[in-house]
């Protein structure tokens, strides 16, 4: 089983089902896929837009793999870094995920997971410390978001911290 196949069910447990919370800047979302992302993906496939509530499991799998896993370069890092990096790309975007991975790996930050970043990660004998630093970097970002925009605090308390805690426990 690939790391992607292991990671996707974990991601989907955090993303849940359909929501359309007015405080969420992503708007209507199903299984973590926003209506905007779904429309863009369907357009690239030559398909008409449709309500994200109707997204199929094949579409979910493909979007997560092709629009998050692959662009964020989640495959080279070993488990559990691949899981944390994928989850960050899903939750914060591939560019922010790259920045946070680079900060955690203590390499120059350029927002691109390239040979230097991958080499630093591959050169580690043990990944737990990197995983913990990565999760801490995420918490600082979430804290900053909630502090700058108090409407996001409910996501900080109820979702983001729970998500990071669950990942922390998976790292063990």
N, C-alpha and C. Protein backbone atom coordinates (compact mmCIF):
# COMPACT_ATOMS: atom_id res chain seq x y z
N UNK A 1 0.84 -1.18 0.00
CA UNK A 1 0.00 0.00 0.00
C UNK A 1 0.89 1.24 0.00
N UNK A 2 0.59 2.18 -0.87
CA UNK A 2 1.38 3.41 -0.95
C UNK A 2 1.07 4.32 0.23
N UNK A 3 1.97 5.27 0.48
CA UNK A 3 1.73 6.25 1.54
C UNK A 3 0.48 7.07 1.24
N UNK A 4 0.22 7.36 -0.04
CA UNK A 4 -1.00 8.09 -0.38
C UNK A 4 -2.23 7.29 0.03
N UNK A 5 -2.23 6.00 -0.28
CA UNK A 5 -3.36 5.14 0.08
C UNK A 5 -3.54 5.04 1.59
N UNK A 6 -2.44 5.12 2.33
CA UNK A 6 -2.51 5.11 3.80
C UNK A 6 -3.00 6.46 4.32
N UNK A 7 -2.58 7.53 3.67
CA UNK A 7 -2.84 8.88 4.18
C UNK A 7 -4.25 9.37 3.89
N UNK A 8 -4.79 9.06 2.72
CA UNK A 8 -6.09 9.62 2.34
C UNK A 8 -7.20 9.32 3.35
N UNK A 9 -7.34 8.10 3.84
CA UNK A 9 -8.39 7.86 4.84
C UNK A 9 -8.21 8.71 6.11
N UNK A 10 -6.96 8.96 6.49
CA UNK A 10 -6.69 9.80 7.66
C UNK A 10 -7.18 11.22 7.37
N UNK A 11 -6.83 11.74 6.21
CA UNK A 11 -7.24 13.09 5.82
C UNK A 11 -8.75 13.20 5.81
N UNK A 12 -9.41 12.21 5.24
CA UNK A 12 -10.87 12.26 5.13
C UNK A 12 -11.56 12.23 6.49
N UNK A 13 -10.93 11.61 7.49
CA UNK A 13 -11.54 11.65 8.83
C UNK A 13 -11.53 13.06 9.39
N UNK A 14 -10.51 13.85 9.05
CA UNK A 14 -10.45 15.25 9.52
C UNK A 14 -11.37 16.15 8.71
N UNK A 15 -11.51 15.85 7.44
CA UNK A 15 -12.25 16.73 6.55
C UNK A 15 -13.76 16.57 6.68
N UNK A 16 -14.22 15.39 7.04
CA UNK A 16 -15.65 15.19 7.26
C UNK A 16 -16.47 15.26 5.99
N UNK A 17 -17.76 15.49 6.15
CA UNK A 17 -18.69 15.53 5.03
C UNK A 17 -18.95 16.94 4.54
N UNK A 18 -20.16 17.18 4.12
CA UNK A 18 -20.53 18.47 3.54
C UNK A 18 -20.72 19.51 4.64
N UNK A 19 -20.12 20.69 4.41
CA UNK A 19 -20.33 21.85 5.28
C UNK A 19 -20.38 23.10 4.41
N UNK A 20 -21.07 24.08 4.91
CA UNK A 20 -21.11 25.39 4.25
C UNK A 20 -21.23 26.44 5.35
N UNK A 21 -20.15 26.59 6.11
CA UNK A 21 -20.10 27.50 7.23
C UNK A 21 -19.78 28.91 6.73
N UNK A 22 -20.63 29.89 7.02
CA UNK A 22 -20.38 31.25 6.55
C UNK A 22 -19.04 31.84 7.04
N UNK A 23 -18.53 31.33 8.15
CA UNK A 23 -17.25 31.83 8.67
C UNK A 23 -16.05 31.19 7.98
N UNK A 24 -16.28 30.13 7.23
CA UNK A 24 -15.19 29.43 6.55
C UNK A 24 -14.95 30.08 5.19
N UNK A 25 -13.76 30.66 4.99
CA UNK A 25 -13.49 31.31 3.71
C UNK A 25 -13.54 30.37 2.51
N UNK A 26 -13.46 29.06 2.75
CA UNK A 26 -13.52 28.09 1.66
C UNK A 26 -14.92 27.90 1.10
N UNK A 27 -15.92 28.33 1.85
CA UNK A 27 -17.29 28.17 1.39
C UNK A 27 -17.75 26.72 1.42
N UNK A 28 -18.70 26.39 0.55
CA UNK A 28 -19.25 25.03 0.49
C UNK A 28 -18.12 24.03 0.23
N UNK A 29 -18.08 22.99 1.07
CA UNK A 29 -17.01 22.00 1.04
C UNK A 29 -17.59 20.62 1.31
N UNK A 30 -17.12 19.63 0.59
CA UNK A 30 -17.53 18.25 0.84
C UNK A 30 -16.28 17.38 0.82
N UNK A 31 -16.10 16.63 1.90
CA UNK A 31 -14.93 15.75 2.04
C UNK A 31 -13.63 16.53 1.86
N UNK A 32 -13.66 17.80 2.27
CA UNK A 32 -12.47 18.63 2.19
C UNK A 32 -12.25 19.31 0.85
N UNK A 33 -13.09 19.04 -0.13
CA UNK A 33 -12.97 19.64 -1.46
C UNK A 33 -13.94 20.81 -1.53
N UNK A 34 -13.41 22.01 -1.77
CA UNK A 34 -14.28 23.18 -1.86
C UNK A 34 -14.98 23.21 -3.22
N UNK A 35 -16.07 23.94 -3.25
CA UNK A 35 -16.80 24.08 -4.51
C UNK A 35 -15.91 24.67 -5.59
N UNK A 36 -15.08 25.64 -5.21
CA UNK A 36 -14.18 26.29 -6.18
C UNK A 36 -13.18 25.28 -6.77
N UNK A 37 -12.57 24.48 -5.90
CA UNK A 37 -11.61 23.46 -6.35
C UNK A 37 -12.32 22.43 -7.23
N UNK A 38 -13.49 22.01 -6.82
CA UNK A 38 -14.25 21.02 -7.59
C UNK A 38 -14.62 21.56 -8.97
N UNK A 39 -15.10 22.79 -9.02
CA UNK A 39 -15.44 23.39 -10.32
C UNK A 39 -14.22 23.47 -11.23
N UNK A 40 -13.09 23.88 -10.68
CA UNK A 40 -11.86 23.99 -11.48
C UNK A 40 -11.44 22.62 -11.99
N UNK A 41 -11.51 21.62 -11.13
CA UNK A 41 -11.12 20.27 -11.53
C UNK A 41 -12.04 19.75 -12.63
N UNK A 42 -13.34 19.93 -12.45
CA UNK A 42 -14.30 19.46 -13.45
C UNK A 42 -14.09 20.18 -14.78
N UNK A 43 -13.77 21.47 -14.72
CA UNK A 43 -13.51 22.23 -15.94
C UNK A 43 -12.30 21.66 -16.68
N UNK A 44 -11.24 21.33 -15.94
CA UNK A 44 -10.05 20.73 -16.56
C UNK A 44 -10.36 19.39 -17.22
N UNK A 45 -11.38 18.70 -16.71
CA UNK A 45 -11.77 17.41 -17.27
C UNK A 45 -12.78 17.57 -18.41
N UNK A 46 -13.15 18.82 -18.72
CA UNK A 46 -14.14 19.06 -19.76
C UNK A 46 -15.56 18.79 -19.30
N UNK A 47 -15.76 18.84 -18.00
CA UNK A 47 -17.08 18.56 -17.42
C UNK A 47 -17.73 19.84 -16.93
N UNK A 48 -19.04 19.86 -16.93
CA UNK A 48 -19.79 21.01 -16.43
C UNK A 48 -19.68 21.07 -14.90
N UNK A 49 -19.75 22.27 -14.34
CA UNK A 49 -19.76 22.37 -12.87
C UNK A 49 -20.99 21.64 -12.30
N UNK A 50 -20.82 21.14 -11.10
CA UNK A 50 -21.96 20.58 -10.37
C UNK A 50 -21.72 20.79 -8.88
N UNK A 51 -22.77 20.66 -8.12
CA UNK A 51 -22.70 20.89 -6.68
C UNK A 51 -21.69 19.93 -6.05
N UNK A 52 -20.83 20.45 -5.21
CA UNK A 52 -19.80 19.65 -4.55
C UNK A 52 -20.42 18.54 -3.69
N UNK A 53 -21.67 18.68 -3.32
CA UNK A 53 -22.34 17.61 -2.57
C UNK A 53 -22.43 16.33 -3.39
N UNK A 54 -22.31 16.44 -4.71
CA UNK A 54 -22.45 15.29 -5.60
C UNK A 54 -21.11 14.66 -5.98
N UNK A 55 -20.02 15.11 -5.39
CA UNK A 55 -18.70 14.60 -5.73
C UNK A 55 -18.62 13.10 -5.48
N UNK A 56 -18.00 12.39 -6.42
CA UNK A 56 -17.86 10.93 -6.28
C UNK A 56 -16.57 10.58 -5.56
N UNK A 57 -16.50 9.36 -5.07
CA UNK A 57 -15.28 8.92 -4.38
C UNK A 57 -14.10 8.87 -5.34
N UNK A 58 -14.32 8.55 -6.59
CA UNK A 58 -13.24 8.55 -7.58
C UNK A 58 -12.73 9.98 -7.79
N UNK A 59 -13.63 10.94 -7.87
CA UNK A 59 -13.23 12.34 -8.02
C UNK A 59 -12.44 12.81 -6.80
N UNK A 60 -12.90 12.44 -5.62
CA UNK A 60 -12.20 12.82 -4.38
C UNK A 60 -10.78 12.27 -4.40
N UNK A 61 -10.64 10.98 -4.69
CA UNK A 61 -9.33 10.33 -4.75
C UNK A 61 -8.43 11.06 -5.75
N UNK A 62 -8.94 11.32 -6.94
CA UNK A 62 -8.15 11.93 -8.00
C UNK A 62 -7.74 13.35 -7.65
N UNK A 63 -8.67 14.13 -7.12
CA UNK A 63 -8.35 15.52 -6.76
C UNK A 63 -7.29 15.55 -5.67
N UNK A 64 -7.45 14.74 -4.64
CA UNK A 64 -6.45 14.73 -3.56
C UNK A 64 -5.08 14.30 -4.09
N UNK A 65 -5.06 13.30 -4.94
CA UNK A 65 -3.78 12.82 -5.46
C UNK A 65 -3.14 13.85 -6.40
N UNK A 66 -3.93 14.31 -7.39
CA UNK A 66 -3.37 15.14 -8.45
C UNK A 66 -3.22 16.62 -8.08
N UNK A 67 -4.06 17.11 -7.17
CA UNK A 67 -4.02 18.54 -6.84
C UNK A 67 -3.34 18.85 -5.51
N UNK A 68 -3.09 17.83 -4.69
CA UNK A 68 -2.46 18.06 -3.39
C UNK A 68 -1.22 17.19 -3.20
N UNK A 69 -1.39 15.87 -3.26
CA UNK A 69 -0.29 14.95 -3.00
C UNK A 69 0.89 15.19 -3.96
N UNK A 70 0.61 15.18 -5.25
CA UNK A 70 1.67 15.30 -6.24
C UNK A 70 2.31 16.68 -6.25
N UNK A 71 1.54 17.78 -6.34
CA UNK A 71 2.19 19.10 -6.36
C UNK A 71 3.00 19.41 -5.09
N UNK A 72 2.56 18.89 -3.95
CA UNK A 72 3.29 19.14 -2.70
C UNK A 72 4.50 18.23 -2.55
N UNK A 73 4.67 17.29 -3.45
CA UNK A 73 5.77 16.31 -3.40
C UNK A 73 5.76 15.54 -2.09
N UNK A 74 4.62 14.93 -1.81
CA UNK A 74 4.46 14.18 -0.57
C UNK A 74 5.09 12.79 -0.63
N UNK A 75 5.36 12.29 -1.82
CA UNK A 75 5.87 10.93 -1.97
C UNK A 75 7.31 10.74 -1.49
N UNK A 76 8.23 11.62 -1.82
CA UNK A 76 9.60 11.33 -1.36
C UNK A 76 9.76 11.26 0.16
N UNK A 77 9.18 12.18 0.93
CA UNK A 77 9.38 12.04 2.38
C UNK A 77 8.76 10.75 2.91
N UNK A 78 9.42 10.13 3.86
CA UNK A 78 8.91 8.87 4.43
C UNK A 78 7.73 9.13 5.38
N UNK A 79 6.99 8.08 5.65
CA UNK A 79 5.92 8.11 6.63
C UNK A 79 6.53 8.35 8.00
N UNK A 80 6.04 9.17 8.87
CA UNK A 80 4.80 9.92 8.85
C UNK A 80 4.95 11.34 8.28
N UNK A 81 6.15 11.70 7.83
CA UNK A 81 6.33 13.05 7.27
C UNK A 81 5.44 13.22 6.04
N UNK A 82 5.32 12.19 5.23
CA UNK A 82 4.46 12.28 4.04
C UNK A 82 3.01 12.57 4.44
N UNK A 83 2.54 11.94 5.49
CA UNK A 83 1.17 12.18 5.97
C UNK A 83 1.00 13.62 6.46
N UNK A 84 1.92 14.08 7.28
CA UNK A 84 1.83 15.44 7.83
C UNK A 84 1.93 16.47 6.70
N UNK A 85 2.82 16.22 5.77
CA UNK A 85 3.01 17.16 4.66
C UNK A 85 1.76 17.20 3.77
N UNK A 86 1.18 16.04 3.50
CA UNK A 86 -0.06 15.97 2.72
C UNK A 86 -1.19 16.70 3.44
N UNK A 87 -1.34 16.44 4.72
CA UNK A 87 -2.39 17.08 5.49
C UNK A 87 -2.21 18.59 5.50
N UNK A 88 -0.99 19.05 5.58
CA UNK A 88 -0.72 20.49 5.56
C UNK A 88 -1.07 21.07 4.20
N UNK A 89 -0.71 20.37 3.13
CA UNK A 89 -1.03 20.84 1.78
C UNK A 89 -2.55 20.94 1.59
N UNK A 90 -3.28 19.97 2.11
CA UNK A 90 -4.73 19.99 2.01
C UNK A 90 -5.31 21.15 2.81
N UNK A 91 -4.81 21.34 4.01
CA UNK A 91 -5.39 22.33 4.91
C UNK A 91 -4.90 23.74 4.67
N UNK A 92 -3.67 23.88 4.15
CA UNK A 92 -3.09 25.22 4.03
C UNK A 92 -2.51 25.52 2.66
N UNK A 93 -2.52 24.57 1.76
CA UNK A 93 -1.99 24.76 0.43
C UNK A 93 -0.58 24.22 0.30
N UNK A 94 -0.22 23.83 -0.91
CA UNK A 94 1.09 23.20 -1.16
C UNK A 94 2.24 24.15 -0.87
N UNK A 95 2.10 25.43 -1.20
CA UNK A 95 3.18 26.39 -0.97
C UNK A 95 3.46 26.56 0.52
N UNK A 96 2.40 26.75 1.31
CA UNK A 96 2.57 26.89 2.77
C UNK A 96 3.12 25.60 3.36
N UNK A 97 2.67 24.45 2.84
CA UNK A 97 3.20 23.18 3.32
C UNK A 97 4.71 23.10 3.08
N UNK A 98 5.14 23.55 1.93
CA UNK A 98 6.58 23.54 1.62
C UNK A 98 7.35 24.43 2.59
N UNK A 99 6.81 25.61 2.85
CA UNK A 99 7.46 26.55 3.78
C UNK A 99 7.57 25.92 5.17
N UNK A 100 6.50 25.32 5.64
CA UNK A 100 6.52 24.74 6.99
C UNK A 100 7.45 23.53 7.07
N UNK A 101 7.47 22.71 6.02
CA UNK A 101 8.41 21.58 5.99
C UNK A 101 9.84 22.10 6.02
N UNK A 102 10.12 23.14 5.27
CA UNK A 102 11.48 23.69 5.24
C UNK A 102 11.87 24.28 6.59
N UNK A 103 10.96 24.98 7.22
CA UNK A 103 11.27 25.51 8.56
C UNK A 103 11.55 24.37 9.53
N UNK A 104 10.70 23.35 9.49
CA UNK A 104 10.88 22.22 10.40
C UNK A 104 12.18 21.46 10.11
N UNK A 105 12.55 21.37 8.83
CA UNK A 105 13.77 20.66 8.45
C UNK A 105 15.01 21.53 8.62
N UNK A 106 14.77 22.81 8.93
CA UNK A 106 15.86 23.77 9.17
C UNK A 106 16.75 23.96 7.95
N UNK A 107 16.05 24.16 6.81
CA UNK A 107 16.75 24.49 5.56
C UNK A 107 16.24 25.85 5.10
N UNK A 108 16.92 26.41 4.11
CA UNK A 108 16.50 27.70 3.57
C UNK A 108 15.06 27.60 3.06
N UNK A 109 14.28 28.61 3.37
CA UNK A 109 12.87 28.61 3.01
C UNK A 109 12.69 29.34 1.68
N UNK A 110 12.24 28.57 0.67
CA UNK A 110 11.92 29.17 -0.62
C UNK A 110 10.54 28.74 -1.12
N UNK A 111 9.83 27.92 -0.32
CA UNK A 111 8.49 27.49 -0.69
C UNK A 111 8.45 26.44 -1.78
N UNK A 112 9.59 25.81 -2.06
CA UNK A 112 9.67 24.78 -3.09
C UNK A 112 10.34 23.55 -2.51
N UNK A 113 9.64 22.43 -2.51
CA UNK A 113 10.22 21.19 -2.01
C UNK A 113 11.11 20.63 -3.12
N UNK A 114 12.37 20.96 -3.03
CA UNK A 114 13.34 20.53 -4.04
C UNK A 114 14.40 19.64 -3.43
N UNK A 115 15.53 19.50 -4.12
CA UNK A 115 16.58 18.57 -3.69
C UNK A 115 17.15 18.89 -2.30
N UNK A 116 17.27 20.17 -1.97
CA UNK A 116 17.84 20.52 -0.66
C UNK A 116 16.90 20.07 0.46
N UNK A 117 15.63 20.40 0.31
CA UNK A 117 14.65 20.01 1.33
C UNK A 117 14.54 18.49 1.43
N UNK A 118 14.39 17.84 0.28
CA UNK A 118 14.26 16.38 0.28
C UNK A 118 15.52 15.71 0.81
N UNK A 119 16.68 16.28 0.50
CA UNK A 119 17.94 15.72 1.01
C UNK A 119 18.05 15.85 2.51
N UNK A 120 17.61 16.99 3.05
CA UNK A 120 17.65 17.18 4.50
C UNK A 120 16.73 16.18 5.20
N UNK A 121 15.56 15.96 4.61
CA UNK A 121 14.63 15.01 5.21
C UNK A 121 15.15 13.59 5.08
N UNK A 122 15.66 13.23 3.92
CA UNK A 122 16.18 11.88 3.69
C UNK A 122 17.39 11.58 4.55
N UNK A 123 18.14 12.62 4.90
CA UNK A 123 19.35 12.43 5.69
C UNK A 123 19.11 12.19 7.17
N UNK A 124 17.88 12.27 7.61
CA UNK A 124 17.58 12.07 9.03
C UNK A 124 17.55 10.59 9.36
N UNK A 125 18.13 10.26 10.49
CA UNK A 125 18.10 8.87 10.95
C UNK A 125 16.77 8.55 11.62
N UNK A 126 16.11 9.58 12.16
CA UNK A 126 14.86 9.40 12.90
C UNK A 126 13.96 10.58 12.58
N UNK A 127 12.69 10.32 12.31
CA UNK A 127 11.79 11.35 11.80
C UNK A 127 10.88 11.99 12.84
N UNK A 128 10.85 11.45 14.03
CA UNK A 128 9.92 11.98 15.02
C UNK A 128 10.17 13.45 15.35
N UNK A 129 11.40 13.83 15.54
CA UNK A 129 11.70 15.23 15.88
C UNK A 129 11.25 16.17 14.76
N UNK A 130 11.49 15.78 13.52
CA UNK A 130 11.05 16.59 12.39
C UNK A 130 9.52 16.68 12.36
N UNK A 131 8.86 15.56 12.59
CA UNK A 131 7.39 15.54 12.60
C UNK A 131 6.86 16.48 13.68
N UNK A 132 7.44 16.44 14.85
CA UNK A 132 6.98 17.31 15.94
C UNK A 132 7.23 18.78 15.63
N UNK A 133 8.40 19.08 15.05
CA UNK A 133 8.69 20.47 14.67
C UNK A 133 7.71 20.95 13.60
N UNK A 134 7.41 20.09 12.65
CA UNK A 134 6.47 20.43 11.58
C UNK A 134 5.10 20.76 12.17
N UNK A 135 4.62 19.92 13.07
CA UNK A 135 3.32 20.15 13.69
C UNK A 135 3.32 21.43 14.53
N UNK A 136 4.42 21.71 15.17
CA UNK A 136 4.53 22.96 15.95
C UNK A 136 4.49 24.17 15.02
N UNK A 137 5.16 24.08 13.89
CA UNK A 137 5.10 25.17 12.91
C UNK A 137 3.65 25.42 12.48
N UNK A 138 2.91 24.35 12.28
CA UNK A 138 1.50 24.49 11.91
C UNK A 138 0.71 25.20 13.01
N UNK A 139 0.94 24.81 14.25
CA UNK A 139 0.20 25.43 15.35
C UNK A 139 0.48 26.93 15.41
N UNK A 140 1.71 27.34 15.14
CA UNK A 140 2.02 28.77 15.14
C UNK A 140 1.25 29.50 14.04
N UNK A 141 1.12 28.86 12.88
CA UNK A 141 0.36 29.47 11.79
C UNK A 141 -1.11 29.59 12.19
N UNK A 142 -1.66 28.52 12.73
CA UNK A 142 -3.07 28.56 13.16
C UNK A 142 -3.29 29.63 14.22
N UNK A 143 -2.38 29.71 15.16
CA UNK A 143 -2.48 30.72 16.21
C UNK A 143 -2.49 32.12 15.61
N UNK A 144 -1.62 32.34 14.64
CA UNK A 144 -1.54 33.64 13.98
C UNK A 144 -2.84 33.95 13.22
N UNK A 145 -3.39 32.96 12.53
CA UNK A 145 -4.64 33.16 11.79
C UNK A 145 -5.76 33.56 12.75
N UNK A 146 -5.90 32.82 13.85
CA UNK A 146 -6.97 33.08 14.81
C UNK A 146 -6.79 34.44 15.50
N UNK A 147 -5.56 34.80 15.76
CA UNK A 147 -5.31 36.09 16.42
C UNK A 147 -5.64 37.25 15.48
N UNK A 148 -5.29 37.10 14.21
CA UNK A 148 -5.55 38.17 13.24
C UNK A 148 -7.01 38.26 12.83
N UNK A 149 -7.71 37.13 12.88
CA UNK A 149 -9.12 37.10 12.47
C UNK A 149 -9.92 36.28 13.47
N UNK A 150 -10.47 36.92 14.49
CA UNK A 150 -11.17 36.19 15.54
C UNK A 150 -12.34 35.32 15.07
N UNK A 151 -12.87 35.56 13.87
CA UNK A 151 -13.94 34.69 13.36
C UNK A 151 -13.42 33.29 13.08
N UNK A 152 -12.11 33.15 12.96
CA UNK A 152 -11.50 31.85 12.67
C UNK A 152 -11.18 31.07 13.94
N UNK A 153 -11.38 31.69 15.09
CA UNK A 153 -11.03 31.06 16.36
C UNK A 153 -11.78 29.74 16.57
N UNK A 154 -13.03 29.67 16.12
CA UNK A 154 -13.78 28.43 16.32
C UNK A 154 -13.14 27.26 15.56
N UNK A 155 -12.48 27.54 14.45
CA UNK A 155 -11.77 26.48 13.71
C UNK A 155 -10.48 26.12 14.43
N UNK A 156 -9.87 27.10 15.05
CA UNK A 156 -8.63 26.89 15.82
C UNK A 156 -8.89 25.92 16.96
N UNK A 157 -9.94 26.21 17.73
CA UNK A 157 -10.24 25.40 18.91
C UNK A 157 -10.82 24.04 18.52
N UNK A 158 -11.83 24.05 17.68
CA UNK A 158 -12.55 22.81 17.39
C UNK A 158 -11.94 21.93 16.33
N UNK A 159 -11.18 22.49 15.42
CA UNK A 159 -10.71 21.70 14.30
C UNK A 159 -9.22 21.60 14.18
N UNK A 160 -8.57 22.75 14.04
CA UNK A 160 -7.14 22.74 13.75
C UNK A 160 -6.31 22.09 14.85
N UNK A 161 -6.56 22.46 16.10
CA UNK A 161 -5.76 21.88 17.18
C UNK A 161 -6.05 20.39 17.33
N UNK A 162 -7.31 20.00 17.14
CA UNK A 162 -7.64 18.57 17.23
C UNK A 162 -6.95 17.79 16.12
N UNK A 163 -6.87 18.38 14.97
CA UNK A 163 -6.22 17.75 13.82
C UNK A 163 -4.73 17.55 14.09
N UNK A 164 -4.09 18.60 14.58
CA UNK A 164 -2.65 18.50 14.89
C UNK A 164 -2.41 17.51 16.02
N UNK A 165 -3.28 17.52 17.03
CA UNK A 165 -3.13 16.57 18.14
C UNK A 165 -3.25 15.14 17.64
N UNK A 166 -4.20 14.87 16.76
CA UNK A 166 -4.37 13.52 16.21
C UNK A 166 -3.13 13.10 15.41
N UNK A 167 -2.58 14.02 14.63
CA UNK A 167 -1.35 13.70 13.90
C UNK A 167 -0.19 13.45 14.86
N UNK A 168 -0.10 14.27 15.88
CA UNK A 168 0.94 14.10 16.90
C UNK A 168 0.87 12.69 17.50
N UNK A 169 -0.33 12.25 17.79
CA UNK A 169 -0.51 10.91 18.38
C UNK A 169 -0.15 9.82 17.38
N UNK A 170 -0.40 10.05 16.10
CA UNK A 170 -0.02 9.07 15.09
C UNK A 170 1.49 8.92 14.97
N UNK A 171 2.20 10.02 15.18
CA UNK A 171 3.67 9.98 15.10
C UNK A 171 4.21 9.10 16.21
N UNK A 172 3.56 9.18 17.38
CA UNK A 172 3.89 8.32 18.54
C UNK A 172 5.29 8.37 18.93
